[in-house]
Amino acid sequence: MPAPSQTVSALRSLLAARFPERTRRPCGGVPAAVRALDDALGGGLPAGRLTELVSAVPSGGGQTVVARLLASTQAARQRIALVDGSDGFAPGAVPDDMLRHLVWVRCQGPEQAFAAADILVRDGNYAVVVLDLRGCTERVLRRTPASTWYRLQRAAEGGSVAVLVQTQSPLVPAVPWRLILDESLSLADAGAPREDVAGRLAVRAERSHAEAAGELAG
């Protein structure tokens, strides 16, 4: 099993070879193609910010959100990166053509996941970086230093990348927006088209008090 430092170094080398010229795209929102989620955020995932999406595993709708993000970014000719903290992504559930613009980083725990996310957010070649921490041990995640979250927030701040952090329970400190998928999907949804399933997802939005206070002060 490679050490985390070796894995991160290999990721840096891969990105440098694949994207030798790093050009920043204009800032803006990225539609998730999930009506409830886009409505809650006023049009899409905000660039330069972290957004937390809380959903259960495996039937909480988190995989559907990733699938719809793949479709949305593909249509816009944008790239997306998925940092998979517990190797839980199921590529077989997504059409092959939607995987061509995806960089999928399979991690062996939160330490590798945070390191990979930091590199990808700073790289600037992606419309969205999804940090999926569902399936990681919550006890370990709760011990994540605040400085780790702060570093990721600073990496995204003012940039062109929208960062979506997927968790099983509220976890990200001082996040501008926290979205909670309130209802689990049923067995009948398993064979339904992703578009139909996405249309039935119910999202509850929670805004950080610090963010709201900042806007009122401005």
Foldseek 3Di string as FASTA:
>chain_A
DDDLVVLLVVLVVVLCVVCVDQDADDFDFQQLLQVQVCVVVVGHFGFLFEEEEAAAPPFGCPLLSVQSSLVRCVVVVFAEEEQAAPPPHDCVVHDPVSCPRYHYHDHPHDVSLLSNLLVVLLSNRGQEYEREHEPHDVVVLQPPDLVSLVSNSVSRHPGRYGYYYYYNDDRRPQGQKYKYFDDGDDPVCPPPDSSVVSHPTHIDMDGDPVNVVVVVVD
